[in-house]
Amino acid sequence: MLPKNKRISKDSFKTLSLQSQVFHSPHWTLRSIPSSVEGFAVLVSKKVAPKAVLRNRIRRMVYSFVGTVLSDIKKPAKNIISAKSGAGLLSFEVQKEEILELFKKAGLL
């Protein structure tokens, strides 16, 4: 899990969704906006994973991956990572590769 100071509050979601750049992969969407403080949030809807156990597992896997890559991030930004359909069926390695590609597209790595 990420430390609380690296997570995004609910208040920031509206501004992020309106002003952010959007990057897509087959199973993930990344919304990013440059900021002086970096922060991350992971969204997994009930359409993607109907059971809470699976939603939380996906969220924890993404947060653990982001925690390992956090030191490699070049420029601080606030980011929201949203899961698309089929994201829960992927292995950890495939999820990791797709999210890494999104970070590269956004210029974070």
PDB file of N, CA and C in Angstrom:
ATOM      1  N   MET A   1       0.836  -1.173   0.000  1.00  0.00           N
ATOM      2  CA  MET A   1       0.000   0.000   0.000  1.00  0.00           C
ATOM      3  C   MET A   1       0.884   1.241   0.000  1.00  0.00           C
ATOM      4  N   LEU A   2       0.427   2.237  -0.683  1.00  0.00           N
ATOM      5  CA  LEU A   2       1.157   3.498  -0.727  1.00  0.00           C
ATOM      6  C   LEU A   2       0.949   4.275   0.572  1.00  0.00           C
ATOM      7  N   PRO A   3       1.941   5.082   0.955  1.00  0.00           N
ATOM      8  CA  PRO A   3       1.737   5.947   2.116  1.00  0.00           C
ATOM      9  C   PRO A   3       0.623   6.959   1.838  1.00  0.00           C
ATOM     10  N   LYS A   4      -0.002   7.433   2.874  1.00  0.00           N
ATOM     11  CA  LYS A   4      -1.151   8.328   2.727  1.00  0.00           C
ATOM     12  C   LYS A   4      -0.793   9.610   1.974  1.00  0.00           C
ATOM     13  N   ASN A   5       0.434  10.108   2.135  1.00  0.00           N
ATOM     14  CA  ASN A   5       0.815  11.342   1.449  1.00  0.00           C
ATOM     15  C   ASN A   5       1.035  11.135  -0.048  1.00  0.00           C
ATOM     16  N   LYS A   6       1.072   9.893  -0.530  1.00  0.00           N
ATOM     17  CA  LYS A   6       1.215   9.595  -1.954  1.00  0.00           C
ATOM     18  C   LYS A   6      -0.120   9.242  -2.609  1.00  0.00           C
ATOM     19  N   ARG A   7      -1.208   9.224  -1.828  1.00  0.00           N
ATOM     20  CA  ARG A   7      -2.526   8.922  -2.371  1.00  0.00           C
ATOM     21  C   ARG A   7      -3.301  10.209  -2.617  1.00  0.00           C
ATOM     22  N   ILE A   8      -4.270  10.151  -3.502  1.00  0.00           N
ATOM     23  CA  ILE A   8      -5.080  11.313  -3.867  1.00  0.00           C
ATOM     24  C   ILE A   8      -6.368  11.304  -3.050  1.00  0.00           C
ATOM     25  N   SER A   9      -6.760  12.471  -2.568  1.00  0.00           N
ATOM     26  CA  SER A   9      -8.003  12.581  -1.811  1.00  0.00           C
ATOM     27  C   SER A   9      -9.198  12.617  -2.769  1.00  0.00           C
ATOM     28  N   LYS A  10     -10.376  12.388  -2.227  1.00  0.00           N
ATOM     29  CA  LYS A  10     -11.597  12.405  -3.041  1.00  0.00           C
ATOM     30  C   LYS A  10     -11.871  13.790  -3.616  1.00  0.00           C
ATOM     31  N   ASP A  11     -11.433  14.827  -2.925  1.00  0.00           N
ATOM     32  CA  ASP A  11     -11.670  16.197  -3.391  1.00  0.00           C
ATOM     33  C   ASP A  11     -10.942  16.495  -4.702  1.00  0.00           C
ATOM     34  N   SER A  12      -9.816  15.836  -4.937  1.00  0.00           N
ATOM     35  CA  SER A  12      -9.014  16.089  -6.131  1.00  0.00           C
ATOM     36  C   SER A  12      -9.550  15.396  -7.376  1.00  0.00           C
ATOM     37  N   PHE A  13     -10.465  14.458  -7.218  1.00  0.00           N
ATOM     38  CA  PHE A  13     -10.938  13.677  -8.353  1.00  0.00           C
ATOM     39  C   PHE A  13     -11.612  14.520  -9.421  1.00  0.00           C
ATOM     40  N   LYS A  14     -12.437  15.468  -9.019  1.00  0.00           N
ATOM     41  CA  LYS A  14     -13.185  16.255 -10.001  1.00  0.00           C
ATOM     42  C   LYS A  14     -12.256  17.089 -10.869  1.00  0.00           C
ATOM     43  N   THR A  15     -11.293  17.764 -10.274  1.00  0.00           N
ATOM     44  CA  THR A  15     -10.360  18.571 -11.057  1.00  0.00           C
ATOM     45  C   THR A  15      -9.490  17.693 -11.933  1.00  0.00           C
ATOM     46  N   LEU A  16      -9.101  16.531 -11.418  1.00  0.00           N
ATOM     47  CA  LEU A  16      -8.283  15.627 -12.222  1.00  0.00           C
ATOM     48  C   LEU A  16      -9.044  15.110 -13.432  1.00  0.00           C
ATOM     49  N   SER A  17     -10.308  14.790 -13.243  1.00  0.00           N
ATOM     50  CA  SER A  17     -11.067  14.234 -14.362  1.00  0.00           C
ATOM     51  C   SER A  17     -11.347  15.284 -15.440  1.00  0.00           C
ATOM     52  N   LEU A  18     -11.403  16.549 -15.065  1.00  0.00           N
ATOM     53  CA  LEU A  18     -11.693  17.596 -16.042  1.00  0.00           C
ATOM     54  C   LEU A  18     -10.451  18.134 -16.747  1.00  0.00           C
ATOM     55  N   GLN A  19      -9.317  18.217 -16.064  1.00  0.00           N
ATOM     56  CA  GLN A  19      -8.147  18.893 -16.602  1.00  0.00           C
ATOM     57  C   GLN A  19      -7.009  17.964 -16.987  1.00  0.00           C
ATOM     58  N   SER A  20      -7.153  16.684 -16.820  1.00  0.00           N
ATOM     59  CA  SER A  20      -6.022  15.776 -17.000  1.00  0.00           C
ATOM     60  C   SER A  20      -5.859  15.291 -18.439  1.00  0.00           C
ATOM     61  N   GLN A  21      -4.645  14.838 -18.732  1.00  0.00           N
ATOM     62  CA  GLN A  21      -4.385  14.147 -19.993  1.00  0.00           C
ATOM     63  C   GLN A  21      -4.747  12.686 -19.781  1.00  0.00           C
ATOM     64  N   VAL A  22      -5.258  12.040 -20.820  1.00  0.00           N
ATOM     65  CA  VAL A  22      -5.715  10.665 -20.699  1.00  0.00           C
ATOM     66  C   VAL A  22      -4.881   9.776 -21.614  1.00  0.00           C
ATOM     67  N   PHE A  23      -4.431   8.644 -21.074  1.00  0.00           N
ATOM     68  CA  PHE A  23      -3.651   7.660 -21.820  1.00  0.00           C
ATOM     69  C   PHE A  23      -4.329   6.308 -21.655  1.00  0.00           C
ATOM     70  N   HIS A  24      -4.397   5.545 -22.754  1.00  0.00           N
ATOM     71  CA  HIS A  24      -5.120   4.271 -22.743  1.00  0.00           C
ATOM     72  C   HIS A  24      -4.216   3.101 -23.073  1.00  0.00           C
ATOM     73  N   SER A  25      -4.554   1.962 -22.498  1.00  0.00           N
ATOM     74  CA  SER A  25      -3.983   0.665 -22.875  1.00  0.00           C
ATOM     75  C   SER A  25      -5.181  -0.284 -22.978  1.00  0.00           C
ATOM     76  N   PRO A  26      -4.981  -1.525 -23.389  1.00  0.00           N
ATOM     77  CA  PRO A  26      -6.142  -2.419 -23.531  1.00  0.00           C
ATOM     78  C   PRO A  26      -6.949  -2.634 -22.248  1.00  0.00           C
ATOM     79  N   HIS A  27      -6.302  -2.606 -21.085  1.00  0.00           N
ATOM     80  CA  HIS A  27      -7.009  -2.902 -19.838  1.00  0.00           C
ATOM     81  C   HIS A  27      -6.948  -1.787 -18.792  1.00  0.00           C
ATOM     82  N   TRP A  28      -6.285  -0.672 -19.098  1.00  0.00           N
ATOM     83  CA  TRP A  28      -6.106   0.394 -18.111  1.00  0.00           C
ATOM     84  C   TRP A  28      -6.245   1.765 -18.762  1.00  0.00           C
ATOM     85  N   THR A  29      -6.633   2.752 -17.969  1.00  0.00           N
ATOM     86  CA  THR A  29      -6.659   4.154 -18.378  1.00  0.00           C
ATOM     87  C   THR A  29      -5.902   4.945 -17.319  1.00  0.00           C
ATOM     88  N   LEU A  30      -5.038   5.840 -17.766  1.00  0.00           N
ATOM     89  CA  LEU A  30      -4.271   6.686 -16.861  1.00  0.00           C
ATOM     90  C   LEU A  30      -4.656   8.138 -17.110  1.00  0.00           C
ATOM     91  N   ARG A  31      -5.082   8.825 -16.066  1.00  0.00           N
ATOM     92  CA  ARG A  31      -5.343  10.263 -16.117  1.00  0.00           C
ATOM     93  C   ARG A  31      -4.247  10.925 -15.311  1.00  0.00           C
ATOM     94  N   SER A  32      -3.556  11.883 -15.941  1.00  0.00           N
ATOM     95  CA  SER A  32      -2.406  12.498 -15.296  1.00  0.00           C
ATOM     96  C   SER A  32      -2.432  14.002 -15.471  1.00  0.00           C
ATOM     97  N   ILE A  33      -2.065  14.713 -14.412  1.00  0.00           N
ATOM     98  CA  ILE A  33      -1.947  16.163 -14.455  1.00  0.00           C
ATOM     99  C   ILE A  33      -0.691  16.550 -13.678  1.00  0.00           C
ATOM    100  N   PRO A  34       0.181  17.366 -14.278  1.00  0.00           N
ATOM    101  CA  PRO A  34       1.399  17.774 -13.569  1.00  0.00           C
ATOM    102  C   PRO A  34       1.063  18.498 -12.267  1.00  0.00           C
ATOM    103  N   SER A  35       1.862  18.236 -11.257  1.00  0.00           N
ATOM    104  CA  SER A  35       1.632  18.827  -9.949  1.00  0.00           C
ATOM    105  C   SER A  35       2.957  18.919  -9.210  1.00  0.00           C
ATOM    106  N   SER A  36       3.005  19.722  -8.185  1.00  0.00           N
ATOM    107  CA  SER A  36       4.229  19.815  -7.390  1.00  0.00           C
ATOM    108  C   SER A  36       4.362  18.620  -6.454  1.00  0.00           C
ATOM    109  N   VAL A  37       3.258  17.969  -6.166  1.00  0.00           N
ATOM    110  CA  VAL A  37       3.249  16.802  -5.282  1.00  0.00           C
ATOM    111  C   VAL A  37       2.706  15.617  -6.070  1.00  0.00           C
ATOM    112  N   GLU A  38       3.399  14.476  -5.994  1.00  0.00           N
ATOM    113  CA  GLU A  38       2.889  13.316  -6.721  1.00  0.00           C
ATOM    114  C   GLU A  38       1.875  12.566  -5.873  1.00  0.00           C
ATOM    115  N   GLY A  39       0.908  11.990  -6.570  1.00  0.00           N
ATOM    116  CA  GLY A  39      -0.131  11.242  -5.897  1.00  0.00           C
ATOM    117  C   GLY A  39      -0.759  10.243  -6.855  1.00  0.00           C
ATOM    118  N   PHE A  40      -1.284   9.156  -6.304  1.00  0.00           N
ATOM    119  CA  PHE A  40      -1.879   8.100  -7.119  1.00  0.00           C
ATOM    120  C   PHE A  40      -3.199   7.663  -6.514  1.00  0.00           C
ATOM    121  N   ALA A  41      -4.109   7.239  -7.384  1.00  0.00           N
ATOM    122  CA  ALA A  41      -5.363   6.618  -6.985  1.00  0.00           C
ATOM    123  C   ALA A  41      -5.663   5.525  -7.994  1.00  0.00           C
ATOM    124  N   VAL A  42      -6.293   4.465  -7.529  1.00  0.00           N
ATOM    125  CA  VAL A  42      -6.664   3.352  -8.402  1.00  0.00           C
ATOM    126  C   VAL A  42      -8.177   3.176  -8.305  1.00  0.00           C
ATOM    127  N   LEU A  43      -8.838   3.146  -9.457  1.00  0.00           N
ATOM    128  CA  LEU A  43     -10.285   2.957  -9.520  1.00  0.00           C
ATOM    129  C   LEU A  43     -10.602   1.631 -10.179  1.00  0.00           C
ATOM    130  N   VAL A  44     -11.417   0.840  -9.520  1.00  0.00           N
ATOM    131  CA  VAL A  44     -11.889  -0.418 -10.085  1.00  0.00           C
ATOM    132  C   VAL A  44     -13.395  -0.445  -9.853  1.00  0.00           C
ATOM    133  N   SER A  45     -14.163  -0.381 -10.938  1.00  0.00           N
ATOM    134  CA  SER A  45     -15.617  -0.302 -10.805  1.00  0.00           C
ATOM    135  C   SER A  45     -16.242  -1.685 -10.645  1.00  0.00           C
ATOM    136  N   LYS A  46     -17.511  -1.684 -10.312  1.00  0.00           N
ATOM    137  CA  LYS A  46     -18.236  -2.950 -10.177  1.00  0.00           C
ATOM    138  C   LYS A  46     -18.473  -3.610 -11.524  1.00  0.00           C
ATOM    139  N   LYS A  47     -18.418  -2.845 -12.611  1.00  0.00           N
ATOM    140  CA  LYS A  47     -18.544  -3.441 -13.938  1.00  0.00           C
ATOM    141  C   LYS A  47     -17.319  -4.295 -14.262  1.00  0.00           C
ATOM    142  N   VAL A  48     -16.166  -3.865 -13.798  1.00  0.00           N
ATOM    143  CA  VAL A  48     -14.925  -4.592 -14.066  1.00  0.00           C
ATOM    144  C   VAL A  48     -14.830  -5.821 -13.180  1.00  0.00           C
ATOM    145  N   ALA A  49     -15.110  -5.670 -11.897  1.00  0.00           N
ATOM    146  CA  ALA A  49     -15.037  -6.772 -10.935  1.00  0.00           C
ATOM    147  C   ALA A  49     -16.246  -6.676 -10.011  1.00  0.00           C
ATOM    148  N   PRO A  50     -17.258  -7.502 -10.223  1.00  0.00           N
ATOM    149  CA  PRO A  50     -18.489  -7.387  -9.447  1.00  0.00           C
ATOM    150  C   PRO A  50     -18.315  -7.674  -7.950  1.00  0.00           C
ATOM    151  N   LYS A  51     -17.325  -8.476  -7.600  1.00  0.00           N
ATOM    152  CA  LYS A  51     -17.124  -8.817  -6.189  1.00  0.00           C
ATOM    153  C   LYS A  51     -16.053  -7.926  -5.571  1.00  0.00           C
ATOM    154  N   ALA A  52     -16.304  -7.499  -4.356  1.00  0.00           N
ATOM    155  CA  ALA A  52     -15.387  -6.593  -3.660  1.00  0.00           C
ATOM    156  C   ALA A  52     -14.015  -7.225  -3.449  1.00  0.00           C
ATOM    157  N   VAL A  53     -13.978  -8.525  -3.255  1.00  0.00           N
ATOM    158  CA  VAL A  53     -12.699  -9.207  -3.042  1.00  0.00           C
ATOM    159  C   VAL A  53     -11.792  -9.032  -4.254  1.00  0.00           C
ATOM    160  N   LEU A  54     -12.352  -9.204  -5.443  1.00  0.00           N
ATOM    161  CA  LEU A  54     -11.565  -9.055  -6.667  1.00  0.00           C
ATOM    162  C   LEU A  54     -11.178  -7.591  -6.900  1.00  0.00           C
ATOM    163  N   ARG A  55     -12.106  -6.651  -6.643  1.00  0.00           N
ATOM    164  CA  ARG A  55     -11.771  -5.236  -6.796  1.00  0.00           C
ATOM    165  C   ARG A  55     -10.612  -4.845  -5.888  1.00  0.00           C
ATOM    166  N   ASN A  56     -10.665  -5.284  -4.648  1.00  0.00           N
ATOM    167  CA  ASN A  56      -9.593  -4.950  -3.707  1.00  0.00           C
ATOM    168  C   ASN A  56      -8.276  -5.621  -4.080  1.00  0.00           C
ATOM    169  N   ARG A  57      -8.333  -6.834  -4.598  1.00  0.00           N
ATOM    170  CA  ARG A  57      -7.111  -7.530  -5.019  1.00  0.00           C
ATOM    171  C   ARG A  57      -6.444  -6.786  -6.168  1.00  0.00           C
ATOM    172  N   ILE A  58      -7.238  -6.360  -7.148  1.00  0.00           N
ATOM    173  CA  ILE A  58      -6.696  -5.603  -8.282  1.00  0.00           C
ATOM    174  C   ILE A  58      -6.079  -4.298  -7.782  1.00  0.00           C
ATOM    175  N   ARG A  59      -6.793  -3.611  -6.919  1.00  0.00           N
ATOM    176  CA  ARG A  59      -6.309  -2.332  -6.377  1.00  0.00           C
ATOM    177  C   ARG A  59      -4.992  -2.521  -5.618  1.00  0.00           C
ATOM    178  N   ARG A  60      -4.914  -3.537  -4.786  1.00  0.00           N
ATOM    179  CA  ARG A  60      -3.686  -3.796  -4.020  1.00  0.00           C
ATOM    180  C   ARG A  60      -2.520  -4.138  -4.925  1.00  0.00           C
ATOM    181  N   MET A  61      -2.773  -4.905  -5.992  1.00  0.00           N
ATOM    182  CA  MET A  61      -1.699  -5.262  -6.925  1.00  0.00           C
ATOM    183  C   MET A  61      -1.153  -4.020  -7.616  1.00  0.00           C
ATOM    184  N   VAL A  62      -2.031  -3.126  -8.027  1.00  0.00           N
ATOM    185  CA  VAL A  62      -1.588  -1.901  -8.704  1.00  0.00           C
ATOM    186  C   VAL A  62      -0.829  -1.004  -7.731  1.00  0.00           C
ATOM    187  N   TYR A  63      -1.341  -0.843  -6.518  1.00  0.00           N
ATOM    188  CA  TYR A  63      -0.642  -0.026  -5.533  1.00  0.00           C
ATOM    189  C   TYR A  63       0.739  -0.608  -5.208  1.00  0.00           C
ATOM    190  N   SER A  64       0.856  -1.928  -5.134  1.00  0.00           N
ATOM    191  CA  SER A  64       2.164  -2.517  -4.836  1.00  0.00           C
ATOM    192  C   SER A  64       3.140  -2.272  -5.983  1.00  0.00           C
ATOM    193  N   PHE A  65       2.648  -2.343  -7.214  1.00  0.00           N
ATOM    194  CA  PHE A  65       3.516  -2.061  -8.352  1.00  0.00           C
ATOM    195  C   PHE A  65       3.935  -0.592  -8.373  1.00  0.00           C
ATOM    196  N   VAL A  66       2.992   0.306  -8.144  1.00  0.00           N
ATOM    197  CA  VAL A  66       3.301   1.738  -8.137  1.00  0.00           C
ATOM    198  C   VAL A  66       4.310   2.052  -7.030  1.00  0.00           C
ATOM    199  N   GLY A  67       4.186   1.378  -5.898  1.00  0.00           N
ATOM    200  CA  GLY A  67       5.127   1.591  -4.806  1.00  0.00           C
ATOM    201  C   GLY A  67       6.557   1.219  -5.171  1.00  0.00           C
ATOM    202  N   THR A  68       6.723   0.185  -6.013  1.00  0.00           N
ATOM    203  CA  THR A  68       8.072  -0.212  -6.416  1.00  0.00           C
ATOM    204  C   THR A  68       8.655   0.734  -7.458  1.00  0.00           C
ATOM    205  N   VAL A  69       7.818   1.368  -8.266  1.00  0.00           N
ATOM    206  CA  VAL A  69       8.264   2.244  -9.352  1.00  0.00           C
ATOM    207  C   VAL A  69       8.365   3.704  -8.893  1.00  0.00           C
ATOM    208  N   LEU A  70       7.860   3.999  -7.728  1.00  0.00           N
ATOM    209  CA  LEU A  70       7.764   5.376  -7.241  1.00  0.00           C
ATOM    210  C   LEU A  70       9.104   6.111  -7.261  1.00  0.00           C
ATOM    211  N   SER A  71      10.181   5.431  -6.972  1.00  0.00           N
ATOM    212  CA  SER A  71      11.491   6.094  -6.942  1.00  0.00           C
ATOM    213  C   SER A  71      12.012   6.424  -8.344  1.00  0.00           C
ATOM    214  N   ASP A  72      11.486   5.768  -9.385  1.00  0.00           N
ATOM    215  CA  ASP A  72      11.942   5.985 -10.758  1.00  0.00           C
ATOM    216  C   ASP A  72      11.180   7.092 -11.479  1.00  0.00           C
ATOM    217  N   ILE A  73      10.152   7.629 -10.874  1.00  0.00           N
ATOM    218  CA  ILE A  73       9.322   8.633 -11.536  1.00  0.00           C
ATOM    219  C   ILE A  73      10.093   9.941 -11.645  1.00  0.00           C
ATOM    220  N   LYS A  74      10.143  10.474 -12.883  1.00  0.00           N
ATOM    221  CA  LYS A  74      10.929  11.676 -13.177  1.00  0.00           C
ATOM    222  C   LYS A  74      10.253  12.949 -12.720  1.00  0.00           C
ATOM    223  N   LYS A  75       8.994  13.125 -13.128  1.00  0.00           N
ATOM    224  CA  LYS A  75       8.316  14.383 -12.806  1.00  0.00           C
ATOM    225  C   LYS A  75       7.078  14.093 -11.968  1.00  0.00           C
ATOM    226  N   PRO A  76       6.863  14.892 -10.925  1.00  0.00           N
ATOM    227  CA  PRO A  76       5.696  14.658 -10.072  1.00  0.00           C
ATOM    228  C   PRO A  76       4.398  15.004 -10.796  1.00  0.00           C
ATOM    229  N   ALA A  77       3.394  14.194 -10.562  1.00  0.00           N
ATOM    230  CA  ALA A  77       2.076  14.409 -11.148  1.00  0.00           C
ATOM    231  C   ALA A  77       1.041  13.699 -10.290  1.00  0.00           C
ATOM    232  N   LYS A  78      -0.204  14.134 -10.414  1.00  0.00           N
ATOM    233  CA  LYS A  78      -1.305  13.424  -9.781  1.00  0.00           C
ATOM    234  C   LYS A  78      -1.901  12.502 -10.831  1.00  0.00           C
ATOM    235  N   ASN A  79      -2.061  11.237 -10.478  1.00  0.00           N
ATOM    236  CA  ASN A  79      -2.468  10.218 -11.444  1.00  0.00           C
ATOM    237  C   ASN A  79      -3.623   9.393 -10.911  1.00  0.00           C
ATOM    238  N   ILE A  80      -4.550   9.080 -11.812  1.00  0.00           N
ATOM    239  CA  ILE A  80      -5.627   8.146 -11.506  1.00  0.00           C
ATOM    240  C   ILE A  80      -5.522   7.003 -12.503  1.00  0.00           C
ATOM    241  N   ILE A  81      -5.419   5.794 -11.998  1.00  0.00           N
ATOM    242  CA  ILE A  81      -5.349   4.599 -12.833  1.00  0.00           C
ATOM    243  C   ILE A  81      -6.690   3.897 -12.715  1.00  0.00           C
ATOM    244  N   SER A  82      -7.395   3.757 -13.854  1.00  0.00           N
ATOM    245  CA  SER A  82      -8.712   3.121 -13.878  1.00  0.00           C
ATOM    246  C   SER A  82      -8.629   1.800 -14.613  1.00  0.00           C
ATOM    247  N   ALA A  83      -9.276   0.794 -14.059  1.00  0.00           N
ATOM    248  CA  ALA A  83      -9.306  -0.521 -14.691  1.00  0.00           C
ATOM    249  C   ALA A  83     -10.434  -0.587 -15.713  1.00  0.00           C
ATOM    250  N   LYS A  84     -10.167  -1.282 -16.813  1.00  0.00           N
ATOM    251  CA  LYS A  84     -11.192  -1.550 -17.820  1.00  0.00           C
ATOM    252  C   LYS A  84     -11.592  -3.021 -17.716  1.00  0.00           C
ATOM    253  N   SER A  85     -12.558  -3.421 -18.513  1.00  0.00           N
ATOM    254  CA  SER A  85     -13.022  -4.807 -18.497  1.00  0.00           C
ATOM    255  C   SER A  85     -11.875  -5.766 -18.796  1.00  0.00           C
ATOM    256  N   GLY A  86     -11.827  -6.850 -18.050  1.00  0.00           N
ATOM    257  CA  GLY A  86     -10.808  -7.871 -18.265  1.00  0.00           C
ATOM    258  C   GLY A  86      -9.536  -7.655 -17.477  1.00  0.00           C
ATOM    259  N   ALA A  87      -9.410  -6.545 -16.775  1.00  0.00           N
ATOM    260  CA  ALA A  87      -8.179  -6.266 -16.020  1.00  0.00           C
ATOM    261  C   ALA A  87      -7.993  -7.260 -14.880  1.00  0.00           C
ATOM    262  N   GLY A  88      -9.087  -7.745 -14.316  1.00  0.00           N
ATOM    263  CA  GLY A  88      -8.999  -8.700 -13.209  1.00  0.00           C
ATOM    264  C   GLY A  88      -8.555 -10.082 -13.623  1.00  0.00           C
ATOM    265  N   LEU A  89      -8.630 -10.377 -14.909  1.00  0.00           N
ATOM    266  CA  LEU A  89      -8.250 -11.704 -15.394  1.00  0.00           C
ATOM    267  C   LEU A  89      -6.777 -11.803 -15.744  1.00  0.00           C
ATOM    268  N   LEU A  90      -6.076 -10.678 -15.741  1.00  0.00           N
ATOM    269  CA  LEU A  90      -4.664 -10.664 -16.131  1.00  0.00           C
ATOM    270  C   LEU A  90      -3.771 -11.092 -14.982  1.00  0.00           C
ATOM    271  N   SER A  91      -2.620 -11.641 -15.328  1.00  0.00           N
ATOM    272  CA  SER A  91      -1.635 -11.963 -14.298  1.00  0.00           C
ATOM    273  C   SER A  91      -0.947 -10.684 -13.845  1.00  0.00           C
ATOM    274  N   PHE A  92      -0.249 -10.761 -12.730  1.00  0.00           N
ATOM    275  CA  PHE A  92       0.428  -9.593 -12.173  1.00  0.00           C
ATOM    276  C   PHE A  92       1.458  -9.042 -13.144  1.00  0.00           C
ATOM    277  N   GLU A  93       2.192  -9.916 -13.826  1.00  0.00           N
ATOM    278  CA  GLU A  93       3.241  -9.482 -14.750  1.00  0.00           C
ATOM    279  C   GLU A  93       2.663  -8.713 -15.943  1.00  0.00           C
ATOM    280  N   VAL A  94       1.545  -9.183 -16.489  1.00  0.00           N
ATOM    281  CA  VAL A  94       0.923  -8.507 -17.630  1.00  0.00           C
ATOM    282  C   VAL A  94       0.378  -7.154 -17.197  1.00  0.00           C
ATOM    283  N   GLN A  95      -0.248  -7.100 -16.014  1.00  0.00           N
ATOM    284  CA  GLN A  95      -0.736  -5.825 -15.494  1.00  0.00           C
ATOM    285  C   GLN A  95       0.424  -4.854 -15.310  1.00  0.00           C
ATOM    286  N   LYS A  96       1.505  -5.352 -14.772  1.00  0.00           N
ATOM    287  CA  LYS A  96       2.680  -4.524 -14.515  1.00  0.00           C
ATOM    288  C   LYS A  96       3.232  -3.934 -15.812  1.00  0.00           C
ATOM    289  N   GLU A  97       3.322  -4.745 -16.870  1.00  0.00           N
ATOM    290  CA  GLU A  97       3.835  -4.278 -18.157  1.00  0.00           C
ATOM    291  C   GLU A  97       2.925  -3.203 -18.762  1.00  0.00           C
ATOM    292  N   GLU A  98       1.607  -3.412 -18.706  1.00  0.00           N
ATOM    293  CA  GLU A  98       0.682  -2.434 -19.280  1.00  0.00           C
ATOM    294  C   GLU A  98       0.738  -1.098 -18.540  1.00  0.00           C
ATOM    295  N   ILE A  99       0.802  -1.141 -17.229  1.00  0.00           N
ATOM    296  CA  ILE A  99       0.857   0.094 -16.444  1.00  0.00           C
ATOM    297  C   ILE A  99       2.188   0.793 -16.660  1.00  0.00           C
ATOM    298  N   LEU A 100       3.253   0.028 -16.790  1.00  0.00           N
ATOM    299  CA  LEU A 100       4.571   0.605 -17.074  1.00  0.00           C
ATOM    300  C   LEU A 100       4.560   1.327 -18.417  1.00  0.00           C
ATOM    301  N   GLU A 101       3.912   0.735 -19.423  1.00  0.00           N
ATOM    302  CA  GLU A 101       3.788   1.376 -20.732  1.00  0.00           C
ATOM    303  C   GLU A 101       2.977   2.677 -20.637  1.00  0.00           C
ATOM    304  N   LEU A 102       1.920   2.667 -19.826  1.00  0.00           N
ATOM    305  CA  LEU A 102       1.139   3.893 -19.641  1.00  0.00           C
ATOM    306  C   LEU A 102       1.984   4.990 -19.005  1.00  0.00           C
ATOM    307  N   PHE A 103       2.794   4.635 -18.025  1.00  0.00           N
ATOM    308  CA  PHE A 103       3.681   5.618 -17.389  1.00  0.00           C
ATOM    309  C   PHE A 103       4.671   6.179 -18.398  1.00  0.00           C
ATOM    310  N   LYS A 104       5.157   5.342 -19.289  1.00  0.00           N
ATOM    311  CA  LYS A 104       6.085   5.809 -20.322  1.00  0.00           C
ATOM    312  C   LYS A 104       5.393   6.747 -21.313  1.00  0.00           C
ATOM    313  N   LYS A 105       4.144   6.403 -21.707  1.00  0.00           N
ATOM    314  CA  LYS A 105       3.380   7.264 -22.610  1.00  0.00           C
ATOM    315  C   LYS A 105       3.151   8.639 -21.991  1.00  0.00           C
ATOM    316  N   ALA A 106       2.884   8.648 -20.686  1.00  0.00           N
ATOM    317  CA  ALA A 106       2.608   9.907 -19.986  1.00  0.00           C
ATOM    318  C   ALA A 106       3.876  10.700 -19.702  1.00  0.00           C
ATOM    319  N   GLY A 107       5.036  10.089 -19.905  1.00  0.00           N
ATOM    320  CA  GLY A 107       6.294  10.780 -19.652  1.00  0.00           C
ATOM    321  C   GLY A 107       6.707  10.774 -18.196  1.00  0.00           C
ATOM    322  N   LEU A 108       6.115   9.908 -17.410  1.00  0.00           N
ATOM    323  CA  LEU A 108       6.465   9.824 -15.991  1.00  0.00           C
ATOM    324  C   LEU A 108       7.767   9.071 -15.778  1.00  0.00           C
ATOM    325  N   LEU A 109       8.063   8.133 -16.666  1.00  0.00           N
ATOM    326  CA  LEU A 109       9.306   7.339 -16.533  1.00  0.00           C
ATOM    327  C   LEU A 109      10.277   7.684 -17.641  1.00  0.00           C
TER     328      LEU A 109
END
